[in-house]
Structure formats: structure tokens, C-alpha cells
PDB file of N, CA and C in Angstrom:
ATOM      1  N   MET A   1      82.155  82.073  52.836  1.00  0.00           N
ATOM      2  CA  MET A   1      80.802  82.548  53.044  1.00  0.00           C
ATOM      3  C   MET A   1      80.071  81.596  53.988  1.00  0.00           C
ATOM      4  N   SER A   2      79.163  82.139  54.726  1.00  0.00           N
ATOM      5  CA  SER A   2      78.431  81.322  55.680  1.00  0.00           C
ATOM      6  C   SER A   2      77.282  80.593  55.003  1.00  0.00           C
ATOM      7  N   SER A   3      76.885  79.481  55.609  1.00  0.00           N
ATOM      8  CA  SER A   3      75.736  78.767  55.056  1.00  0.00           C
ATOM      9  C   SER A   3      74.454  79.584  55.259  1.00  0.00           C
ATOM     10  N   ASP A   4      74.443  80.471  56.276  1.00  0.00           N
ATOM     11  CA  ASP A   4      73.288  81.359  56.469  1.00  0.00           C
ATOM     12  C   ASP A   4      73.111  82.276  55.269  1.00  0.00           C
ATOM     13  N   LEU A   5      74.214  82.799  54.759  1.00  0.00           N
ATOM     14  CA  LEU A   5      74.161  83.670  53.588  1.00  0.00           C
ATOM     15  C   LEU A   5      73.709  82.886  52.357  1.00  0.00           C
ATOM     16  N   TYR A   6      74.159  81.661  52.243  1.00  0.00           N
ATOM     17  CA  TYR A   6      73.725  80.817  51.129  1.00  0.00           C
ATOM     18  C   TYR A   6      72.226  80.556  51.227  1.00  0.00           C
ATOM     19  N   GLU A   7      71.748  80.198  52.400  1.00  0.00           N
ATOM     20  CA  GLU A   7      70.320  79.901  52.579  1.00  0.00           C
ATOM     21  C   GLU A   7      69.460  81.140  52.326  1.00  0.00           C
ATOM     22  N   LYS A   8      69.906  82.293  52.806  1.00  0.00           N
ATOM     23  CA  LYS A   8      69.185  83.537  52.555  1.00  0.00           C
ATOM     24  C   LYS A   8      69.169  83.824  51.057  1.00  0.00           C
ATOM     25  N   GLY A   9      70.313  83.666  50.411  1.00  0.00           N
ATOM     26  CA  GLY A   9      70.419  83.899  48.975  1.00  0.00           C
ATOM     27  C   GLY A   9      69.568  82.936  48.172  1.00  0.00           C
ATOM     28  N   LEU A  10      69.544  81.682  48.587  1.00  0.00           N
ATOM     29  CA  LEU A  10      68.746  80.678  47.881  1.00  0.00           C
ATOM     30  C   LEU A  10      67.259  81.018  47.976  1.00  0.00           C
ATOM     31  N   ARG A  11      66.815  81.462  49.142  1.00  0.00           N
ATOM     32  CA  ARG A  11      65.415  81.844  49.312  1.00  0.00           C
ATOM     33  C   ARG A  11      65.060  83.013  48.396  1.00  0.00           C
ATOM     34  N   ILE A  12      65.897  84.043  48.390  1.00  0.00           N
ATOM     35  CA  ILE A  12      65.635  85.225  47.555  1.00  0.00           C
ATOM     36  C   ILE A  12      65.725  84.861  46.075  1.00  0.00           C
ATOM     37  N   ARG A  13      66.722  84.091  45.717  1.00  0.00           N
ATOM     38  CA  ARG A  13      66.897  83.682  44.311  1.00  0.00           C
ATOM     39  C   ARG A  13      65.670  82.930  43.813  1.00  0.00           C
ATOM     40  N   ARG A  14      65.145  82.030  44.631  1.00  0.00           N
ATOM     41  CA  ARG A  14      63.958  81.273  44.231  1.00  0.00           C
ATOM     42  C   ARG A  14      62.727  82.168  44.145  1.00  0.00           C
ATOM     43  N   GLU A  15      62.606  83.133  45.058  1.00  0.00           N
ATOM     44  CA  GLU A  15      61.469  84.056  45.018  1.00  0.00           C
ATOM     45  C   GLU A  15      61.511  84.942  43.779  1.00  0.00           C
ATOM     46  N   VAL A  16      62.695  85.404  43.410  1.00  0.00           N
ATOM     47  CA  VAL A  16      62.835  86.340  42.289  1.00  0.00           C
ATOM     48  C   VAL A  16      62.835  85.630  40.944  1.00  0.00           C
ATOM     49  N   VAL A  17      63.575  84.559  40.844  1.00  0.00           N
ATOM     50  CA  VAL A  17      63.741  83.869  39.560  1.00  0.00           C
ATOM     51  C   VAL A  17      62.691  82.784  39.343  1.00  0.00           C
ATOM     52  N   GLY A  18      62.284  82.150  40.434  1.00  0.00           N
ATOM     53  CA  GLY A  18      61.353  81.036  40.353  1.00  0.00           C
ATOM     54  C   GLY A  18      62.053  79.741  40.743  1.00  0.00           C
ATOM     55  N   GLU A  19      61.361  78.941  41.524  1.00  0.00           N
ATOM     56  CA  GLU A  19      61.962  77.703  42.037  1.00  0.00           C
ATOM     57  C   GLU A  19      62.411  76.766  40.929  1.00  0.00           C
ATOM     58  N   GLU A  20      61.578  76.617  39.911  1.00  0.00           N
ATOM     59  CA  GLU A  20      61.881  75.662  38.842  1.00  0.00           C
ATOM     60  C   GLU A  20      63.187  76.017  38.122  1.00  0.00           C
ATOM     61  N   LYS A  21      63.360  77.289  37.783  1.00  0.00           N
ATOM     62  CA  LYS A  21      64.566  77.721  37.061  1.00  0.00           C
ATOM     63  C   LYS A  21      65.805  77.585  37.937  1.00  0.00           C
ATOM     64  N   VAL A  22      65.700  78.002  39.188  1.00  0.00           N
ATOM     65  CA  VAL A  22      66.845  77.908  40.098  1.00  0.00           C
ATOM     66  C   VAL A  22      67.222  76.444  40.311  1.00  0.00           C
ATOM     67  N   ASP A  23      66.236  75.598  40.548  1.00  0.00           N
ATOM     68  CA  ASP A  23      66.527  74.172  40.736  1.00  0.00           C
ATOM     69  C   ASP A  23      67.156  73.573  39.489  1.00  0.00           C
ATOM     70  N   GLN A  24      66.711  74.019  38.319  1.00  0.00           N
ATOM     71  CA  GLN A  24      67.300  73.547  37.058  1.00  0.00           C
ATOM     72  C   GLN A  24      68.779  73.921  36.999  1.00  0.00           C
ATOM     73  N   TRP A  25      69.097  75.172  37.328  1.00  0.00           N
ATOM     74  CA  TRP A  25      70.494  75.610  37.307  1.00  0.00           C
ATOM     75  C   TRP A  25      71.331  74.831  38.327  1.00  0.00           C
ATOM     76  N   LEU A  26      70.803  74.677  39.533  1.00  0.00           N
ATOM     77  CA  LEU A  26      71.556  73.972  40.567  1.00  0.00           C
ATOM     78  C   LEU A  26      71.744  72.497  40.223  1.00  0.00           C
ATOM     79  N   ASP A  27      70.693  71.870  39.710  1.00  0.00           N
ATOM     80  CA  ASP A  27      70.770  70.452  39.352  1.00  0.00           C
ATOM     81  C   ASP A  27      71.699  70.196  38.176  1.00  0.00           C
ATOM     82  N   SER A  28      71.820  71.167  37.278  1.00  0.00           N
ATOM     83  CA  SER A  28      72.669  70.967  36.105  1.00  0.00           C
ATOM     84  C   SER A  28      74.129  71.352  36.353  1.00  0.00           C
ATOM     85  N   ALA A  29      74.418  71.902  37.530  1.00  0.00           N
ATOM     86  CA  ALA A  29      75.801  72.247  37.853  1.00  0.00           C
ATOM     87  C   ALA A  29      76.626  70.969  37.958  1.00  0.00           C
ATOM     88  N   ASP A  30      77.818  71.034  37.401  1.00  0.00           N
ATOM     89  CA  ASP A  30      78.727  69.898  37.504  1.00  0.00           C
ATOM     90  C   ASP A  30      79.873  70.269  38.445  1.00  0.00           C
ATOM     91  N   GLU A  31      80.854  69.424  38.527  1.00  0.00           N
ATOM     92  CA  GLU A  31      81.979  69.671  39.432  1.00  0.00           C
ATOM     93  C   GLU A  31      82.675  70.995  39.098  1.00  0.00           C
ATOM     94  N   PHE A  32      82.697  71.339  37.836  1.00  0.00           N
ATOM     95  CA  PHE A  32      83.368  72.549  37.379  1.00  0.00           C
ATOM     96  C   PHE A  32      82.565  73.810  37.683  1.00  0.00           C
ATOM     97  N   THR A  33      81.229  73.741  37.584  1.00  0.00           N
ATOM     98  CA  THR A  33      80.389  74.939  37.734  1.00  0.00           C
ATOM     99  C   THR A  33      79.681  75.042  39.088  1.00  0.00           C
ATOM    100  N   ALA A  34      79.819  74.040  39.931  1.00  0.00           N
ATOM    101  CA  ALA A  34      79.134  74.056  41.234  1.00  0.00           C
ATOM    102  C   ALA A  34      79.549  75.262  42.082  1.00  0.00           C
ATOM    103  N   ALA A  35      80.830  75.601  42.050  1.00  0.00           N
ATOM    104  CA  ALA A  35      81.304  76.746  42.840  1.00  0.00           C
ATOM    105  C   ALA A  35      80.689  78.048  42.330  1.00  0.00           C
ATOM    106  N   LEU A  36      80.487  78.153  41.014  1.00  0.00           N
ATOM    107  CA  LEU A  36      79.843  79.332  40.442  1.00  0.00           C
ATOM    108  C   LEU A  36      78.436  79.493  40.996  1.00  0.00           C
ATOM    109  N   GLU A  37      77.667  78.420  41.011  1.00  0.00           N
ATOM    110  CA  GLU A  37      76.295  78.478  41.536  1.00  0.00           C
ATOM    111  C   GLU A  37      76.284  78.829  43.015  1.00  0.00           C
ATOM    112  N   GLN A  38      77.236  78.277  43.766  1.00  0.00           N
ATOM    113  CA  GLN A  38      77.305  78.575  45.198  1.00  0.00           C
ATOM    114  C   GLN A  38      77.623  80.052  45.421  1.00  0.00           C
ATOM    115  N   LEU A  39      78.618  80.576  44.725  1.00  0.00           N
ATOM    116  CA  LEU A  39      78.999  81.972  44.902  1.00  0.00           C
ATOM    117  C   LEU A  39      77.933  82.931  44.381  1.00  0.00           C
ATOM    118  N   THR A  40      77.291  82.567  43.281  1.00  0.00           N
ATOM    119  CA  THR A  40      76.197  83.383  42.763  1.00  0.00           C
ATOM    120  C   THR A  40      75.092  83.501  43.805  1.00  0.00           C
ATOM    121  N   THR A  41      74.764  82.389  44.433  1.00  0.00           N
ATOM    122  CA  THR A  41      73.711  82.373  45.446  1.00  0.00           C
ATOM    123  C   THR A  41      74.130  83.147  46.687  1.00  0.00           C
ATOM    124  N   GLU A  42      75.347  82.906  47.169  1.00  0.00           N
ATOM    125  CA  GLU A  42      75.805  83.559  48.395  1.00  0.00           C
ATOM    126  C   GLU A  42      76.050  85.055  48.213  1.00  0.00           C
ATOM    127  N   ILE A  43      76.795  85.404  47.186  1.00  0.00           N
ATOM    128  CA  ILE A  43      77.200  86.799  47.013  1.00  0.00           C
ATOM    129  C   ILE A  43      76.109  87.600  46.307  1.00  0.00           C
ATOM    130  N   GLY A  44      75.727  87.141  45.111  1.00  0.00           N
ATOM    131  CA  GLY A  44      74.754  87.897  44.331  1.00  0.00           C
ATOM    132  C   GLY A  44      73.415  88.034  45.018  1.00  0.00           C
ATOM    133  N   TRP A  45      72.911  86.918  45.498  1.00  0.00           N
ATOM    134  CA  TRP A  45      71.561  86.925  46.083  1.00  0.00           C
ATOM    135  C   TRP A  45      71.584  87.087  47.592  1.00  0.00           C
ATOM    136  N   GLY A  46      72.493  86.426  48.297  1.00  0.00           N
ATOM    137  CA  GLY A  46      72.534  86.492  49.757  1.00  0.00           C
ATOM    138  C   GLY A  46      73.119  87.780  50.297  1.00  0.00           C
ATOM    139  N   ALA A  47      74.220  88.243  49.691  1.00  0.00           N
ATOM    140  CA  ALA A  47      74.888  89.446  50.194  1.00  0.00           C
ATOM    141  C   ALA A  47      74.378  90.724  49.536  1.00  0.00           C
ATOM    142  N   VAL A  48      74.011  90.675  48.254  1.00  0.00           N
ATOM    143  CA  VAL A  48      73.622  91.901  47.547  1.00  0.00           C
ATOM    144  C   VAL A  48      72.110  92.109  47.535  1.00  0.00           C
ATOM    145  N   TRP A  49      71.361  91.137  47.001  1.00  0.00           N
ATOM    146  CA  TRP A  49      69.905  91.325  46.876  1.00  0.00           C
ATOM    147  C   TRP A  49      69.201  91.391  48.228  1.00  0.00           C
ATOM    148  N   SER A  50      69.838  90.948  49.297  1.00  0.00           N
ATOM    149  CA  SER A  50      69.201  90.979  50.620  1.00  0.00           C
ATOM    150  C   SER A  50      69.475  92.280  51.377  1.00  0.00           C
ATOM    151  N   ARG A  51      70.312  93.138  50.820  1.00  0.00           N
ATOM    152  CA  ARG A  51      70.650  94.377  51.520  1.00  0.00           C
ATOM    153  C   ARG A  51      69.437  95.294  51.652  1.00  0.00           C
ATOM    154  N   PRO A  52      69.386  96.041  52.752  1.00  0.00           N
ATOM    155  CA  PRO A  52      68.314  97.030  52.892  1.00  0.00           C
ATOM    156  C   PRO A  52      68.610  98.246  52.017  1.00  0.00           C
ATOM    157  N   GLY A  53      67.626  99.082  51.831  1.00  0.00           N
ATOM    158  CA  GLY A  53      67.854 100.337  51.131  1.00  0.00           C
ATOM    159  C   GLY A  53      67.225 100.413  49.751  1.00  0.00           C
ATOM    160  N   LEU A  54      67.089  99.285  49.072  1.00  0.00           N
ATOM    161  CA  LEU A  54      66.423  99.249  47.775  1.00  0.00           C
ATOM    162  C   LEU A  54      65.434  98.092  47.776  1.00  0.00           C
ATOM    163  N   ASP A  55      64.265  98.341  47.211  1.00  0.00           N
ATOM    164  CA  ASP A  55      63.314  97.251  47.082  1.00  0.00           C
ATOM    165  C   ASP A  55      63.670  96.405  45.860  1.00  0.00           C
ATOM    166  N   ARG A  56      63.023  95.272  45.734  1.00  0.00           N
ATOM    167  CA  ARG A  56      63.333  94.355  44.631  1.00  0.00           C
ATOM    168  C   ARG A  56      62.995  94.952  43.265  1.00  0.00           C
ATOM    169  N   LYS A  57      61.965  95.736  43.203  1.00  0.00           N
ATOM    170  CA  LYS A  57      61.591  96.369  41.937  1.00  0.00           C
ATOM    171  C   LYS A  57      62.722  97.272  41.448  1.00  0.00           C
ATOM    172  N   THR A  58      63.253  98.093  42.341  1.00  0.00           N
ATOM    173  CA  THR A  58      64.358  98.987  41.992  1.00  0.00           C
ATOM    174  C   THR A  58      65.595  98.196  41.623  1.00  0.00           C
ATOM    175  N   ARG A  59      65.896  97.154  42.394  1.00  0.00           N
ATOM    176  CA  ARG A  59      67.051  96.301  42.073  1.00  0.00           C
ATOM    177  C   ARG A  59      66.889  95.671  40.693  1.00  0.00           C
ATOM    178  N   SER A  60      65.675  95.271  40.359  1.00  0.00           N
ATOM    179  CA  SER A  60      65.436  94.684  39.040  1.00  0.00           C
ATOM    180  C   SER A  60      65.714  95.685  37.929  1.00  0.00           C
ATOM    181  N   LEU A  61      65.224  96.906  38.076  1.00  0.00           N
ATOM    182  CA  LEU A  61      65.454  97.917  37.044  1.00  0.00           C
ATOM    183  C   LEU A  61      66.939  98.236  36.903  1.00  0.00           C
ATOM    184  N   LEU A  62      67.638  98.334  38.024  1.00  0.00           N
ATOM    185  CA  LEU A  62      69.087  98.561  37.965  1.00  0.00           C
ATOM    186  C   LEU A  62      69.797  97.409  37.258  1.00  0.00           C
ATOM    187  N   THR A  63      69.390  96.202  37.576  1.00  0.00           N
ATOM    188  CA  THR A  63      69.996  95.023  36.969  1.00  0.00           C
ATOM    189  C   THR A  63      69.786  95.020  35.464  1.00  0.00           C
ATOM    190  N   LEU A  64      68.569  95.360  35.021  1.00  0.00           N
ATOM    191  CA  LEU A  64      68.295  95.413  33.586  1.00  0.00           C
ATOM    192  C   LEU A  64      69.209  96.400  32.879  1.00  0.00           C
ATOM    193  N   VAL A  65      69.354  97.579  33.439  1.00  0.00           N
ATOM    194  CA  VAL A  65      70.174  98.614  32.816  1.00  0.00           C
ATOM    195  C   VAL A  65      71.644  98.181  32.776  1.00  0.00           C
ATOM    196  N   LEU A  66      72.125  97.610  33.860  1.00  0.00           N
ATOM    197  CA  LEU A  66      73.520  97.167  33.890  1.00  0.00           C
ATOM    198  C   LEU A  66      73.776  96.043  32.888  1.00  0.00           C
ATOM    199  N   LEU A  67      72.871  95.106  32.805  1.00  0.00           N
ATOM    200  CA  LEU A  67      73.037  93.999  31.851  1.00  0.00           C
ATOM    201  C   LEU A  67      72.931  94.493  30.416  1.00  0.00           C
ATOM    202  N   ALA A  68      72.027  95.428  30.164  1.00  0.00           N
ATOM    203  CA  ALA A  68      71.908  96.004  28.824  1.00  0.00           C
ATOM    204  C   ALA A  68      73.210  96.703  28.433  1.00  0.00           C
ATOM    205  N   ALA A  69      73.766  97.487  29.353  1.00  0.00           N
ATOM    206  CA  ALA A  69      74.992  98.226  29.074  1.00  0.00           C
ATOM    207  C   ALA A  69      76.166  97.295  28.794  1.00  0.00           C
ATOM    208  N   GLN A  70      76.129  96.100  29.360  1.00  0.00           N
ATOM    209  CA  GLN A  70      77.201  95.124  29.161  1.00  0.00           C
ATOM    210  C   GLN A  70      76.916  94.143  28.024  1.00  0.00           C
ATOM    211  N   HIS A  71      75.767  94.301  27.390  1.00  0.00           N
ATOM    212  CA  HIS A  71      75.358  93.402  26.294  1.00  0.00           C
ATOM    213  C   HIS A  71      75.323  91.944  26.758  1.00  0.00           C
ATOM    214  N   ARG A  72      74.758  91.704  27.912  1.00  0.00           N
ATOM    215  CA  ARG A  72      74.646  90.357  28.478  1.00  0.00           C
ATOM    216  C   ARG A  72      73.243  89.825  28.218  1.00  0.00           C
ATOM    217  N   ASP A  73      72.983  89.468  26.964  1.00  0.00           N
ATOM    218  CA  ASP A  73      71.637  89.105  26.518  1.00  0.00           C
ATOM    219  C   ASP A  73      71.022  87.945  27.282  1.00  0.00           C
ATOM    220  N   GLU A  74      71.788  86.905  27.534  1.00  0.00           N
ATOM    221  CA  GLU A  74      71.228  85.738  28.215  1.00  0.00           C
ATOM    222  C   GLU A  74      70.749  86.106  29.619  1.00  0.00           C
ATOM    223  N   GLU A  75      71.563  86.839  30.340  1.00  0.00           N
ATOM    224  CA  GLU A  75      71.177  87.276  31.680  1.00  0.00           C
ATOM    225  C   GLU A  75      70.067  88.321  31.620  1.00  0.00           C
ATOM    226  N   LEU A  76      70.127  89.201  30.629  1.00  0.00           N
ATOM    227  CA  LEU A  76      69.079  90.220  30.475  1.00  0.00           C
ATOM    228  C   LEU A  76      67.727  89.559  30.264  1.00  0.00           C
ATOM    229  N   GLU A  77      67.693  88.524  29.456  1.00  0.00           N
ATOM    230  CA  GLU A  77      66.429  87.819  29.218  1.00  0.00           C
ATOM    231  C   GLU A  77      65.869  87.244  30.519  1.00  0.00           C
ATOM    232  N   VAL A  78      66.709  86.611  31.309  1.00  0.00           N
ATOM    233  CA  VAL A  78      66.272  86.057  32.603  1.00  0.00           C
ATOM    234  C   VAL A  78      65.752  87.171  33.504  1.00  0.00           C
ATOM    235  N   HIS A  79      66.495  88.282  33.561  1.00  0.00           N
ATOM    236  CA  HIS A  79      66.122  89.355  34.481  1.00  0.00           C
ATOM    237  C   HIS A  79      64.942  90.182  33.993  1.00  0.00           C
ATOM    238  N   LEU A  80      64.619  90.121  32.712  1.00  0.00           N
ATOM    239  CA  LEU A  80      63.370  90.740  32.253  1.00  0.00           C
ATOM    240  C   LEU A  80      62.183  90.036  32.891  1.00  0.00           C
ATOM    241  N   HIS A  81      62.220  88.721  32.912  1.00  0.00           N
ATOM    242  CA  HIS A  81      61.150  87.958  33.570  1.00  0.00           C
ATOM    243  C   HIS A  81      61.132  88.251  35.076  1.00  0.00           C
ATOM    244  N   ASN A  82      62.326  88.326  35.671  1.00  0.00           N
ATOM    245  CA  ASN A  82      62.415  88.622  37.103  1.00  0.00           C
ATOM    246  C   ASN A  82      61.819  89.990  37.415  1.00  0.00           C
ATOM    247  N   ALA A  83      62.085  90.962  36.556  1.00  0.00           N
ATOM    248  CA  ALA A  83      61.582  92.322  36.789  1.00  0.00           C
ATOM    249  C   ALA A  83      60.054  92.335  36.817  1.00  0.00           C
ATOM    250  N   VAL A  84      59.443  91.613  35.899  1.00  0.00           N
ATOM    251  CA  VAL A  84      57.979  91.524  35.898  1.00  0.00           C
ATOM    252  C   VAL A  84      57.507  90.855  37.187  1.00  0.00           C
ATOM    253  N   ARG A  85      58.174  89.788  37.580  1.00  0.00           N
ATOM    254  CA  ARG A  85      57.825  89.091  38.821  1.00  0.00           C
ATOM    255  C   ARG A  85      57.981  90.011  40.029  1.00  0.00           C
ATOM    256  N   ASN A  86      58.920  90.958  39.949  1.00  0.00           N
ATOM    257  CA  ASN A  86      59.154  91.894  41.047  1.00  0.00           C
ATOM    258  C   ASN A  86      58.290  93.146  40.966  1.00  0.00           C
ATOM    259  N   GLY A  87      57.314  93.157  40.053  1.00  0.00           N
ATOM    260  CA  GLY A  87      56.349  94.244  40.014  1.00  0.00           C
ATOM    261  C   GLY A  87      56.632  95.354  39.026  1.00  0.00           C
ATOM    262  N   CYS A  88      57.650  95.202  38.186  1.00  0.00           N
ATOM    263  CA  CYS A  88      57.942  96.235  37.181  1.00  0.00           C
ATOM    264  C   CYS A  88      56.953  96.118  36.031  1.00  0.00           C
ATOM    265  N   SER A  89      56.400  97.236  35.628  1.00  0.00           N
ATOM    266  CA  SER A  89      55.517  97.248  34.470  1.00  0.00           C
ATOM    267  C   SER A  89      56.368  97.254  33.204  1.00  0.00           C
ATOM    268  N   HIS A  90      55.751  96.934  32.091  1.00  0.00           N
ATOM    269  CA  HIS A  90      56.467  96.990  30.816  1.00  0.00           C
ATOM    270  C   HIS A  90      56.914  98.427  30.534  1.00  0.00           C
ATOM    271  N   GLU A  91      56.085  99.403  30.904  1.00  0.00           N
ATOM    272  CA  GLU A  91      56.457 100.805  30.706  1.00  0.00           C
ATOM    273  C   GLU A  91      57.704 101.166  31.515  1.00  0.00           C
ATOM    274  N   GLU A  92      57.773 100.733  32.763  1.00  0.00           N
ATOM    275  CA  GLU A  92      58.955 101.013  33.592  1.00  0.00           C
ATOM    276  C   GLU A  92      60.200 100.349  33.013  1.00  0.00           C
ATOM    277  N   ILE A  93      60.043  99.131  32.540  1.00  0.00           N
ATOM    278  CA  ILE A  93      61.169  98.422  31.920  1.00  0.00           C
ATOM    279  C   ILE A  93      61.622  99.170  30.669  1.00  0.00           C
ATOM    280  N   ARG A  94      60.676  99.562  29.832  1.00  0.00           N
ATOM    281  CA  ARG A  94      61.007 100.305  28.616  1.00  0.00           C
ATOM    282  C   ARG A  94      61.748 101.597  28.951  1.00  0.00           C
ATOM    283  N   GLU A  95      61.250 102.350  29.924  1.00  0.00           N
ATOM    284  CA  GLU A  95      61.879 103.616  30.289  1.00  0.00           C
ATOM    285  C   GLU A  95      63.278 103.412  30.861  1.00  0.00           C
ATOM    286  N   ALA A  96      63.459 102.378  31.657  1.00  0.00           N
ATOM    287  CA  ALA A  96      64.789 102.090  32.198  1.00  0.00           C
ATOM    288  C   ALA A  96      65.767 101.773  31.073  1.00  0.00           C
ATOM    289  N   LEU A  97      65.313 100.974  30.105  1.00  0.00           N
ATOM    290  CA  LEU A  97      66.181 100.624  28.983  1.00  0.00           C
ATOM    291  C   LEU A  97      66.421 101.819  28.064  1.00  0.00           C
ATOM    292  N   LEU A  98      65.408 102.675  27.874  1.00  0.00           N
ATOM    293  CA  LEU A  98      65.607 103.892  27.091  1.00  0.00           C
ATOM    294  C   LEU A  98      66.637 104.810  27.752  1.00  0.00           C
ATOM    295  N   HIS A  99      66.708 104.752  29.059  1.00  0.00           N
ATOM    296  CA  HIS A  99      67.665 105.584  29.814  1.00  0.00           C
ATOM    297  C   HIS A  99      69.110 105.261  29.430  1.00  0.00           C
ATOM    298  N   THR A 100      69.332 104.041  28.938  1.00  0.00           N
ATOM    299  CA  THR A 100      70.698 103.665  28.550  1.00  0.00           C
ATOM    300  C   THR A 100      71.187 104.444  27.335  1.00  0.00           C
ATOM    301  N   ILE A 101      70.285 105.076  26.579  1.00  0.00           N
ATOM    302  CA  ILE A 101      70.706 105.875  25.425  1.00  0.00           C
ATOM    303  C   ILE A 101      71.734 106.921  25.848  1.00  0.00           C
ATOM    304  N   ALA A 102      71.458 107.613  26.937  1.00  0.00           N
ATOM    305  CA  ALA A 102      72.314 108.714  27.377  1.00  0.00           C
ATOM    306  C   ALA A 102      73.673 108.248  27.897  1.00  0.00           C
ATOM    307  N   TYR A 103      73.760 107.032  28.396  1.00  0.00           N
ATOM    308  CA  TYR A 103      74.983 106.603  29.066  1.00  0.00           C
ATOM    309  C   TYR A 103      75.703 105.454  28.371  1.00  0.00           C
ATOM    310  N   SER A 104      74.999 104.712  27.520  1.00  0.00           N
ATOM    311  CA  SER A 104      75.611 103.580  26.827  1.00  0.00           C
ATOM    312  C   SER A 104      75.420 103.629  25.322  1.00  0.00           C
ATOM    313  N   GLY A 105      74.638 104.587  24.833  1.00  0.00           N
ATOM    314  CA  GLY A 105      74.478 104.785  23.408  1.00  0.00           C
ATOM    315  C   GLY A 105      73.209 104.191  22.823  1.00  0.00           C
ATOM    316  N   ILE A 106      72.852 104.726  21.677  1.00  0.00           N
ATOM    317  CA  ILE A 106      71.645 104.282  20.979  1.00  0.00           C
ATOM    318  C   ILE A 106      71.712 102.811  20.589  1.00  0.00           C
ATOM    319  N   PRO A 107      72.834 102.309  20.048  1.00  0.00           N
ATOM    320  CA  PRO A 107      72.858 100.889  19.682  1.00  0.00           C
ATOM    321  C   PRO A 107      72.585  99.955  20.864  1.00  0.00           C
ATOM    322  N   THR A 108      73.110 100.306  22.033  1.00  0.00           N
ATOM    323  CA  THR A 108      72.864  99.487  23.226  1.00  0.00           C
ATOM    324  C   THR A 108      71.389  99.509  23.595  1.00  0.00           C
ATOM    325  N   ALA A 109      70.796 100.688  23.630  1.00  0.00           N
ATOM    326  CA  ALA A 109      69.380 100.806  23.979  1.00  0.00           C
ATOM    327  C   ALA A 109      68.512 100.107  22.944  1.00  0.00           C
ATOM    328  N   ARG A 110      68.833 100.290  21.687  1.00  0.00           N
ATOM    329  CA  ARG A 110      68.059  99.667  20.611  1.00  0.00           C
ATOM    330  C   ARG A 110      68.078  98.146  20.739  1.00  0.00           C
ATOM    331  N   HIS A 111      69.255  97.601  20.963  1.00  0.00           N
ATOM    332  CA  HIS A 111      69.394  96.151  21.098  1.00  0.00           C
ATOM    333  C   HIS A 111      68.602  95.639  22.308  1.00  0.00           C
ATOM    334  N   ALA A 112      68.757  96.311  23.437  1.00  0.00           N
ATOM    335  CA  ALA A 112      68.079  95.879  24.662  1.00  0.00           C
ATOM    336  C   ALA A 112      66.563  95.986  24.530  1.00  0.00           C
ATOM    337  N   LEU A 113      66.079  97.055  23.924  1.00  0.00           N
ATOM    338  CA  LEU A 113      64.634  97.231  23.761  1.00  0.00           C
ATOM    339  C   LEU A 113      64.047  96.198  22.804  1.00  0.00           C
ATOM    340  N   LYS A 114      64.762  95.871  21.757  1.00  0.00           N
ATOM    341  CA  LYS A 114      64.275  94.839  20.834  1.00  0.00           C
ATOM    342  C   LYS A 114      64.226  93.484  21.534  1.00  0.00           C
ATOM    343  N   LEU A 115      65.252  93.186  22.325  1.00  0.00           N
ATOM    344  CA  LEU A 115      65.251  91.932  23.077  1.00  0.00           C
ATOM    345  C   LEU A 115      64.090  91.916  24.069  1.00  0.00           C
ATOM    346  N   ALA A 116      63.898  93.025  24.783  1.00  0.00           N
ATOM    347  CA  ALA A 116      62.814  93.103  25.763  1.00  0.00           C
ATOM    348  C   ALA A 116      61.453  92.953  25.090  1.00  0.00           C
ATOM    349  N   SER A 117      61.273  93.559  23.939  1.00  0.00           N
ATOM    350  CA  SER A 117      60.012  93.452  23.216  1.00  0.00           C
ATOM    351  C   SER A 117      59.740  91.999  22.825  1.00  0.00           C
ATOM    352  N   ARG A 118      60.788  91.315  22.384  1.00  0.00           N
ATOM    353  CA  ARG A 118      60.625  89.902  22.016  1.00  0.00           C
ATOM    354  C   ARG A 118      60.301  89.061  23.250  1.00  0.00           C
ATOM    355  N   VAL A 119      61.029  89.263  24.341  1.00  0.00           N
ATOM    356  CA  VAL A 119      60.842  88.476  25.557  1.00  0.00           C
ATOM    357  C   VAL A 119      59.498  88.755  26.210  1.00  0.00           C
ATOM    358  N   LEU A 120      59.115  90.019  26.252  1.00  0.00           N
ATOM    359  CA  LEU A 120      57.878  90.407  26.927  1.00  0.00           C
ATOM    360  C   LEU A 120      56.669  90.383  25.998  1.00  0.00           C
ATOM    361  N   GLY A 121      56.875  90.054  24.759  1.00  0.00           N
ATOM    362  CA  GLY A 121      55.783  89.920  23.820  1.00  0.00           C
ATOM    363  C   GLY A 121      55.272  91.226  23.247  1.00  0.00           C
ATOM    364  N   GLY A 122      55.997  92.333  23.467  1.00  0.00           N
ATOM    365  CA  GLY A 122      55.594  93.608  22.905  1.00  0.00           C
ATOM    366  C   GLY A 122      54.275  94.121  23.435  1.00  0.00           C
ATOM    367  N   GLN A 123      53.812  93.548  24.545  1.00  0.00           N
ATOM    368  CA  GLN A 123      52.509  93.926  25.100  1.00  0.00           C
ATOM    369  C   GLN A 123      52.700  94.792  26.325  1.00  0.00           C
ATOM    370  N   GLN A 124      51.719  95.580  26.616  1.00  0.00           N
ATOM    371  CA  GLN A 124      51.712  96.393  27.823  1.00  0.00           C
ATOM    372  C   GLN A 124      51.223  95.551  28.998  1.00  0.00           C
ATOM    373  N   SER A 125      51.896  95.684  30.146  1.00  0.00           N
ATOM    374  CA  SER A 125      51.435  94.974  31.341  1.00  0.00           C
ATOM    375  C   SER A 125      50.626  95.870  32.246  1.00  0.00           C
ATOM    376  N   ASP A 126      50.559  97.164  31.928  1.00  0.00           N
ATOM    377  CA  ASP A 126      49.856  98.082  32.806  1.00  0.00           C
ATOM    378  C   ASP A 126      48.735  98.782  32.086  1.00  0.00           C
TER     379      ASP A 126
END
């Protein structure tokens, strides 16, 4: 991967996740996990999140649904905050997660919605 892709990814990652959290992850990387952080930044953020065609709000909602369907709670929690930062309302987040009922089942949607309610404080943002 090019350093241009890494730099583009790092900029987007910091804008979406927040500088403090990204710097924490990068600073805590060791010899074993450094390559993971580099590839996450280059591929996930530099190659994928920078693509044209979808805005960040839409990408956030897609990410939430995919993480919910995979039961990736730790990442889902991070991306719930990112979705709000990217302009998603609590109602939009709730509806996206409710959509998983049809494709991933009620237990998946129930789990994701309970996690989202805890993370977002059960309050309306709109």
C-alpha cells in the first residue's frame, strides 16, 4: 500500500473516530499489532471509506448493520459513536439496527439495540 493511502486513511480515521482514540490505538500498538493498525488505516479507511458514491453517514449506518449481524460488540460500540459524529440521528441508528431483524434475526437486532441504547444513553438526538 502507498503512504498516500495511509495518510488519506489516517485523516479520515481521525475525522470519523476522533484524534484521541486513533492516537491511543496507534500508540498502544506493539510489534505484533502494528501491521494491523497500518492495514486498518490503509485499507479500511484509506481505500474503502475514501471511495466516492456513499457519504459518511450512509457508510456509518452500513457499518453498524454489518457489525450487528456479526455480533462484533466492541467494534459496534466504537462505530455507534462514529455514526453520531457522522450525522446519524438516534432514530436512524435505531431503524438501521431494527432492519437486521429481517436478515439476521430478532436475537441479533435485540442484542444490537440494547447495546446501542446503553451506549447512546437511550436518549433521542433529534
